[in-house]
Amino acid sequence: MTVAGVHHLTLSVTDVERSADWYQRLLGPAAVVRREGPDWVRIRMEWPSGLVIGVTRHEGTSSGDEFDHARVGLDHVGLACSGEAEVREWATRLDDLGIAHGPVEDVPYGWAVTARDPDGIAIEFFADRTPSG
């Protein structure tokens, strides 16, 4: 058996509306579905490319909580780019949107630029140096 790829990503956040607005401001309009459970609320966003990101607010999450990449769980989210030029285009888009980000990094295996969402989750736009990775 093989896995074709990641189907979707769901992030725990402090404010689903704020996070959904931020991701759509960055990535463009998405088809949105809102769901609620007994102690959670989720907004699921799907973009025309097939990318699906959900943001969930759990009742037990403090509104003052912030993501910590050093804890067990998630370190960052990496979104695929076609090459260095596209990574640089994302850096420009982040600038245009007024979203703080790091420099475009040129590492032995590719290029990346990283920003943080409203809860501090690192969102990295990444391109492999070679098509095979």
N, C-alpha and C. Protein backbone atom coordinates (compact mmCIF):
# COMPACT_ATOMS: atom_id res chain seq x y z
N MET A 1 0.84 -1.18 0.00
CA MET A 1 0.00 0.00 0.00
C MET A 1 0.89 1.24 0.00
N THR A 2 0.42 2.28 -0.68
CA THR A 2 1.16 3.54 -0.71
C THR A 2 0.22 4.68 -0.36
N VAL A 3 0.81 5.75 0.08
CA VAL A 3 0.05 6.96 0.38
C VAL A 3 0.32 7.96 -0.74
N ALA A 4 -0.72 8.49 -1.33
CA ALA A 4 -0.58 9.40 -2.47
C ALA A 4 -0.16 10.80 -2.05
N GLY A 5 -0.38 11.15 -0.82
CA GLY A 5 -0.04 12.48 -0.33
C GLY A 5 -0.87 12.79 0.89
N VAL A 6 -0.71 13.99 1.41
CA VAL A 6 -1.50 14.43 2.55
C VAL A 6 -2.84 14.93 2.02
N HIS A 7 -3.93 14.45 2.59
CA HIS A 7 -5.26 14.85 2.14
C HIS A 7 -5.64 16.23 2.64
N HIS A 8 -5.41 16.48 3.93
CA HIS A 8 -5.74 17.79 4.48
C HIS A 8 -4.92 18.02 5.75
N LEU A 9 -4.93 19.24 6.21
CA LEU A 9 -4.23 19.63 7.41
C LEU A 9 -5.22 20.41 8.27
N THR A 10 -5.33 20.05 9.54
CA THR A 10 -6.21 20.77 10.46
C THR A 10 -5.38 21.28 11.62
N LEU A 11 -5.47 22.57 11.87
CA LEU A 11 -4.66 23.23 12.90
C LEU A 11 -5.55 23.68 14.04
N SER A 12 -5.08 23.51 15.26
CA SER A 12 -5.79 24.06 16.43
C SER A 12 -5.39 25.52 16.57
N VAL A 13 -6.40 26.38 16.71
CA VAL A 13 -6.18 27.83 16.76
C VAL A 13 -7.00 28.43 17.90
N THR A 14 -6.75 29.69 18.20
CA THR A 14 -7.49 30.37 19.26
C THR A 14 -8.74 31.06 18.74
N ASP A 15 -8.81 31.38 17.44
CA ASP A 15 -9.94 32.10 16.86
C ASP A 15 -10.11 31.64 15.42
N VAL A 16 -11.14 30.81 15.15
CA VAL A 16 -11.30 30.23 13.81
C VAL A 16 -11.59 31.30 12.76
N GLU A 17 -12.38 32.30 13.10
CA GLU A 17 -12.70 33.35 12.12
C GLU A 17 -11.45 34.12 11.72
N ARG A 18 -10.67 34.53 12.71
CA ARG A 18 -9.43 35.28 12.45
C ARG A 18 -8.48 34.44 11.60
N SER A 19 -8.31 33.16 11.96
CA SER A 19 -7.40 32.30 11.22
C SER A 19 -7.90 32.04 9.80
N ALA A 20 -9.19 31.75 9.64
CA ALA A 20 -9.73 31.52 8.30
C ALA A 20 -9.57 32.76 7.43
N ASP A 21 -9.80 33.93 7.99
CA ASP A 21 -9.60 35.17 7.24
C ASP A 21 -8.15 35.33 6.83
N TRP A 22 -7.23 35.05 7.75
CA TRP A 22 -5.80 35.19 7.46
C TRP A 22 -5.37 34.26 6.34
N TYR A 23 -5.76 32.98 6.41
CA TYR A 23 -5.35 32.02 5.38
C TYR A 23 -5.96 32.38 4.02
N GLN A 24 -7.19 32.87 4.00
CA GLN A 24 -7.79 33.24 2.72
C GLN A 24 -7.22 34.55 2.19
N ARG A 25 -6.82 35.44 3.07
CA ARG A 25 -6.16 36.66 2.63
C ARG A 25 -4.83 36.31 1.96
N LEU A 26 -4.12 35.34 2.54
CA LEU A 26 -2.83 34.91 2.01
C LEU A 26 -2.97 34.06 0.75
N LEU A 27 -3.84 33.04 0.81
CA LEU A 27 -3.91 32.04 -0.26
C LEU A 27 -5.04 32.26 -1.26
N GLY A 28 -5.93 33.22 -0.98
CA GLY A 28 -7.05 33.50 -1.87
C GLY A 28 -8.32 32.85 -1.36
N PRO A 29 -9.44 33.19 -2.00
CA PRO A 29 -10.73 32.66 -1.57
C PRO A 29 -10.78 31.13 -1.65
N ALA A 30 -11.45 30.54 -0.68
CA ALA A 30 -11.59 29.09 -0.63
C ALA A 30 -13.05 28.74 -0.41
N ALA A 31 -13.42 27.53 -0.80
CA ALA A 31 -14.74 27.01 -0.45
C ALA A 31 -14.69 26.69 1.04
N VAL A 32 -15.67 27.17 1.79
CA VAL A 32 -15.64 27.07 3.25
C VAL A 32 -16.82 26.25 3.76
N VAL A 33 -16.52 25.35 4.70
CA VAL A 33 -17.55 24.59 5.40
C VAL A 33 -17.28 24.79 6.89
N ARG A 34 -18.31 25.16 7.63
CA ARG A 34 -18.19 25.33 9.08
C ARG A 34 -18.86 24.15 9.76
N ARG A 35 -18.18 23.59 10.77
CA ARG A 35 -18.73 22.47 11.55
C ARG A 35 -18.55 22.77 13.02
N GLU A 36 -19.45 22.20 13.82
CA GLU A 36 -19.34 22.36 15.27
C GLU A 36 -19.62 21.03 15.95
N GLY A 37 -18.89 20.80 17.03
CA GLY A 37 -19.11 19.65 17.88
C GLY A 37 -19.46 20.14 19.26
N PRO A 38 -19.54 19.23 20.22
CA PRO A 38 -19.95 19.63 21.58
C PRO A 38 -18.98 20.61 22.23
N ASP A 39 -17.69 20.53 21.91
CA ASP A 39 -16.74 21.46 22.53
C ASP A 39 -15.66 21.93 21.54
N TRP A 40 -16.06 22.06 20.26
CA TRP A 40 -15.14 22.57 19.26
C TRP A 40 -15.92 23.18 18.10
N VAL A 41 -15.24 24.05 17.35
CA VAL A 41 -15.78 24.61 16.11
C VAL A 41 -14.65 24.60 15.08
N ARG A 42 -15.00 24.28 13.84
CA ARG A 42 -13.99 24.15 12.78
C ARG A 42 -14.45 24.88 11.53
N ILE A 43 -13.50 25.50 10.86
CA ILE A 43 -13.72 26.02 9.52
C ILE A 43 -12.77 25.27 8.60
N ARG A 44 -13.36 24.60 7.60
CA ARG A 44 -12.58 23.84 6.61
C ARG A 44 -12.54 24.65 5.34
N MET A 45 -11.34 24.89 4.83
CA MET A 45 -11.16 25.67 3.60
C MET A 45 -10.54 24.80 2.52
N GLU A 46 -11.11 24.85 1.33
CA GLU A 46 -10.54 24.10 0.20
C GLU A 46 -10.35 25.06 -0.96
N TRP A 47 -9.11 25.12 -1.44
CA TRP A 47 -8.77 25.99 -2.56
C TRP A 47 -8.89 25.22 -3.87
N PRO A 48 -9.03 25.94 -4.99
CA PRO A 48 -9.16 25.28 -6.29
C PRO A 48 -8.02 24.30 -6.60
N SER A 49 -6.84 24.52 -6.03
CA SER A 49 -5.69 23.63 -6.27
C SER A 49 -5.87 22.27 -5.61
N GLY A 50 -6.85 22.15 -4.68
CA GLY A 50 -7.04 20.92 -3.93
C GLY A 50 -6.48 21.00 -2.51
N LEU A 51 -5.74 22.06 -2.19
CA LEU A 51 -5.22 22.24 -0.83
C LEU A 51 -6.39 22.40 0.13
N VAL A 52 -6.37 21.64 1.23
CA VAL A 52 -7.42 21.73 2.25
C VAL A 52 -6.75 21.99 3.60
N ILE A 53 -7.16 23.09 4.23
CA ILE A 53 -6.69 23.43 5.57
C ILE A 53 -7.91 23.67 6.44
N GLY A 54 -7.93 23.03 7.60
CA GLY A 54 -8.97 23.28 8.58
C GLY A 54 -8.38 24.01 9.76
N VAL A 55 -9.17 24.87 10.37
CA VAL A 55 -8.76 25.54 11.61
C VAL A 55 -9.83 25.23 12.65
N THR A 56 -9.39 24.74 13.81
CA THR A 56 -10.30 24.29 14.85
C THR A 56 -10.02 25.02 16.15
N ARG A 57 -11.10 25.47 16.78
CA ARG A 57 -11.02 26.08 18.12
C ARG A 57 -11.63 25.08 19.09
N HIS A 58 -10.82 24.61 20.03
CA HIS A 58 -11.29 23.69 21.06
C HIS A 58 -11.68 24.48 22.30
N GLU A 59 -12.75 24.06 22.95
CA GLU A 59 -13.25 24.75 24.13
C GLU A 59 -12.17 24.94 25.20
N GLY A 60 -11.30 23.97 25.35
CA GLY A 60 -10.28 24.03 26.39
C GLY A 60 -9.05 24.87 26.04
N THR A 61 -9.00 25.40 24.82
CA THR A 61 -7.85 26.20 24.41
C THR A 61 -8.00 27.63 24.92
N SER A 62 -7.02 28.10 25.65
CA SER A 62 -7.03 29.47 26.16
C SER A 62 -6.88 30.46 25.02
N SER A 63 -7.62 31.56 25.07
CA SER A 63 -7.54 32.57 24.01
C SER A 63 -6.15 33.20 23.96
N GLY A 64 -5.38 33.09 25.05
CA GLY A 64 -4.03 33.63 25.08
C GLY A 64 -2.96 32.63 24.69
N ASP A 65 -3.37 31.40 24.34
CA ASP A 65 -2.40 30.37 23.98
C ASP A 65 -1.71 30.73 22.68
N GLU A 66 -0.49 30.24 22.50
CA GLU A 66 0.26 30.49 21.27
C GLU A 66 1.01 29.23 20.91
N PHE A 67 1.14 28.98 19.62
CA PHE A 67 1.85 27.82 19.10
C PHE A 67 3.29 27.82 19.56
N ASP A 68 3.84 26.63 19.82
CA ASP A 68 5.25 26.47 20.20
C ASP A 68 5.83 25.31 19.40
N HIS A 69 6.66 25.63 18.41
CA HIS A 69 7.22 24.60 17.53
C HIS A 69 8.14 23.63 18.27
N ALA A 70 8.59 24.00 19.46
CA ALA A 70 9.50 23.14 20.21
C ALA A 70 8.78 22.06 21.01
N ARG A 71 7.45 22.10 21.03
CA ARG A 71 6.68 21.06 21.74
C ARG A 71 6.38 19.92 20.78
N VAL A 72 6.10 18.76 21.33
CA VAL A 72 5.75 17.60 20.51
C VAL A 72 4.49 17.92 19.71
N GLY A 73 4.51 17.59 18.44
CA GLY A 73 3.37 17.85 17.57
C GLY A 73 3.85 18.39 16.24
N LEU A 74 3.49 19.59 15.96
CA LEU A 74 3.78 20.22 14.67
C LEU A 74 4.94 21.19 14.79
N ASP A 75 5.85 21.17 13.83
CA ASP A 75 6.93 22.16 13.78
C ASP A 75 6.56 23.30 12.84
N HIS A 76 6.13 22.96 11.62
CA HIS A 76 5.70 23.98 10.65
C HIS A 76 4.92 23.31 9.54
N VAL A 77 4.26 24.14 8.74
CA VAL A 77 3.53 23.67 7.57
C VAL A 77 4.32 24.11 6.35
N GLY A 78 4.65 23.18 5.47
CA GLY A 78 5.38 23.50 4.24
C GLY A 78 4.47 23.40 3.04
N LEU A 79 4.32 24.50 2.30
CA LEU A 79 3.49 24.53 1.09
C LEU A 79 4.41 24.52 -0.13
N ALA A 80 4.12 23.62 -1.08
CA ALA A 80 4.99 23.39 -2.23
C ALA A 80 4.96 24.54 -3.23
N CYS A 81 6.14 24.90 -3.71
CA CYS A 81 6.31 25.87 -4.78
C CYS A 81 7.05 25.18 -5.93
N SER A 82 6.92 25.73 -7.13
CA SER A 82 7.52 25.09 -8.31
C SER A 82 9.01 25.36 -8.45
N GLY A 83 9.52 26.39 -7.80
CA GLY A 83 10.95 26.70 -7.90
C GLY A 83 11.28 27.95 -7.13
N GLU A 84 12.54 28.36 -7.23
CA GLU A 84 13.02 29.54 -6.50
C GLU A 84 12.21 30.78 -6.84
N ALA A 85 11.91 30.98 -8.12
CA ALA A 85 11.17 32.18 -8.52
C ALA A 85 9.82 32.26 -7.82
N GLU A 86 9.12 31.13 -7.68
CA GLU A 86 7.82 31.15 -7.02
C GLU A 86 7.97 31.43 -5.52
N VAL A 87 9.01 30.91 -4.89
CA VAL A 87 9.26 31.21 -3.48
C VAL A 87 9.45 32.72 -3.33
N ARG A 88 10.22 33.32 -4.23
CA ARG A 88 10.46 34.76 -4.17
C ARG A 88 9.16 35.55 -4.44
N GLU A 89 8.30 35.02 -5.30
CA GLU A 89 6.99 35.66 -5.54
C GLU A 89 6.15 35.64 -4.26
N TRP A 90 6.21 34.53 -3.50
CA TRP A 90 5.48 34.47 -2.22
C TRP A 90 6.04 35.48 -1.23
N ALA A 91 7.37 35.66 -1.21
CA ALA A 91 7.97 36.67 -0.33
C ALA A 91 7.43 38.05 -0.68
N THR A 92 7.31 38.34 -1.96
CA THR A 92 6.76 39.62 -2.40
C THR A 92 5.30 39.74 -2.00
N ARG A 93 4.53 38.67 -2.16
CA ARG A 93 3.12 38.70 -1.77
C ARG A 93 2.98 38.95 -0.27
N LEU A 94 3.80 38.30 0.52
CA LEU A 94 3.77 38.52 1.97
C LEU A 94 4.06 39.99 2.27
N ASP A 95 5.04 40.57 1.59
CA ASP A 95 5.33 42.00 1.75
C ASP A 95 4.12 42.85 1.38
N ASP A 96 3.51 42.53 0.23
CA ASP A 96 2.35 43.29 -0.24
C ASP A 96 1.19 43.24 0.75
N LEU A 97 1.04 42.10 1.45
CA LEU A 97 -0.03 41.93 2.43
C LEU A 97 0.35 42.46 3.81
N GLY A 98 1.60 42.89 3.97
CA GLY A 98 2.05 43.39 5.26
C GLY A 98 2.25 42.28 6.28
N ILE A 99 2.51 41.07 5.80
CA ILE A 99 2.74 39.93 6.69
C ILE A 99 4.24 39.76 6.90
N ALA A 100 4.67 39.84 8.14
CA ALA A 100 6.09 39.68 8.47
C ALA A 100 6.56 38.28 8.07
N HIS A 101 7.80 38.20 7.62
CA HIS A 101 8.37 36.91 7.22
C HIS A 101 9.89 36.99 7.30
N GLY A 102 10.49 35.82 7.26
CA GLY A 102 11.95 35.75 7.23
C GLY A 102 12.46 35.98 5.82
N PRO A 103 13.77 35.91 5.66
CA PRO A 103 14.37 36.06 4.34
C PRO A 103 14.10 34.82 3.48
N VAL A 104 14.28 34.96 2.18
CA VAL A 104 14.26 33.78 1.32
C VAL A 104 15.54 33.02 1.62
N GLU A 105 15.38 31.79 2.07
CA GLU A 105 16.53 30.96 2.43
C GLU A 105 16.94 30.10 1.25
N ASP A 106 18.22 30.07 0.98
CA ASP A 106 18.80 29.24 -0.07
C ASP A 106 19.61 28.17 0.65
N VAL A 107 19.03 26.96 0.73
CA VAL A 107 19.66 25.86 1.44
C VAL A 107 20.09 24.80 0.43
N PRO A 108 20.93 23.84 0.80
CA PRO A 108 21.43 22.87 -0.18
C PRO A 108 20.34 22.12 -0.94
N TYR A 109 19.17 21.94 -0.34
CA TYR A 109 18.11 21.14 -0.98
C TYR A 109 16.96 21.96 -1.52
N GLY A 110 17.01 23.31 -1.40
CA GLY A 110 15.92 24.10 -1.96
C GLY A 110 15.90 25.53 -1.46
N TRP A 111 14.72 26.16 -1.60
CA TRP A 111 14.51 27.56 -1.21
C TRP A 111 13.24 27.62 -0.37
N ALA A 112 13.23 28.55 0.59
CA ALA A 112 12.07 28.68 1.46
C ALA A 112 11.93 30.11 1.95
N VAL A 113 10.68 30.50 2.19
CA VAL A 113 10.39 31.73 2.92
C VAL A 113 9.29 31.38 3.91
N THR A 114 9.43 31.87 5.15
CA THR A 114 8.54 31.47 6.22
C THR A 114 7.88 32.67 6.88
N ALA A 115 6.57 32.56 7.09
CA ALA A 115 5.78 33.55 7.83
C ALA A 115 5.09 32.81 8.96
N ARG A 116 4.40 33.55 9.82
CA ARG A 116 3.65 32.92 10.92
C ARG A 116 2.20 33.38 10.88
N ASP A 117 1.28 32.42 11.12
CA ASP A 117 -0.15 32.75 11.13
C ASP A 117 -0.48 33.46 12.44
N PRO A 118 -1.73 33.86 12.65
CA PRO A 118 -2.08 34.63 13.86
C PRO A 118 -1.77 33.93 15.19
N ASP A 119 -1.67 32.60 15.19
CA ASP A 119 -1.34 31.87 16.41
C ASP A 119 0.14 31.50 16.48
N GLY A 120 0.94 31.99 15.54
CA GLY A 120 2.38 31.74 15.56
C GLY A 120 2.80 30.47 14.84
N ILE A 121 1.90 29.79 14.14
CA ILE A 121 2.25 28.57 13.41
C ILE A 121 3.04 28.99 12.16
N ALA A 122 4.22 28.40 12.00
CA ALA A 122 5.08 28.74 10.86
C ALA A 122 4.51 28.14 9.58
N ILE A 123 4.35 29.00 8.56
CA ILE A 123 3.89 28.59 7.24
C ILE A 123 5.05 28.86 6.28
N GLU A 124 5.56 27.79 5.69
CA GLU A 124 6.75 27.88 4.85
C GLU A 124 6.37 27.61 3.39
N PHE A 125 6.78 28.49 2.51
CA PHE A 125 6.65 28.27 1.07
C PHE A 125 7.99 27.71 0.62
N PHE A 126 7.97 26.47 0.07
CA PHE A 126 9.22 25.73 -0.17
C PHE A 126 9.26 25.17 -1.58
N ALA A 127 10.44 25.22 -2.19
CA ALA A 127 10.67 24.57 -3.49
C ALA A 127 11.92 23.72 -3.38
N ASP A 128 11.82 22.48 -3.85
CA ASP A 128 12.99 21.60 -3.92
C ASP A 128 13.98 22.14 -4.95
N ARG A 129 15.25 21.90 -4.69
CA ARG A 129 16.30 22.31 -5.63
C ARG A 129 16.23 21.46 -6.91
N THR A 130 15.84 20.20 -6.77
CA THR A 130 15.69 19.34 -7.94
C THR A 130 14.26 18.81 -7.93
N PRO A 131 13.70 18.52 -9.10
CA PRO A 131 12.32 18.02 -9.14
C PRO A 131 12.11 16.76 -8.32
N SER A 132 13.12 15.92 -8.16
CA SER A 132 12.95 14.68 -7.40
C SER A 132 13.11 14.90 -5.90
N GLY A 133 13.51 16.09 -5.50
CA GLY A 133 13.66 16.37 -4.07
C GLY A 133 15.03 16.03 -3.61
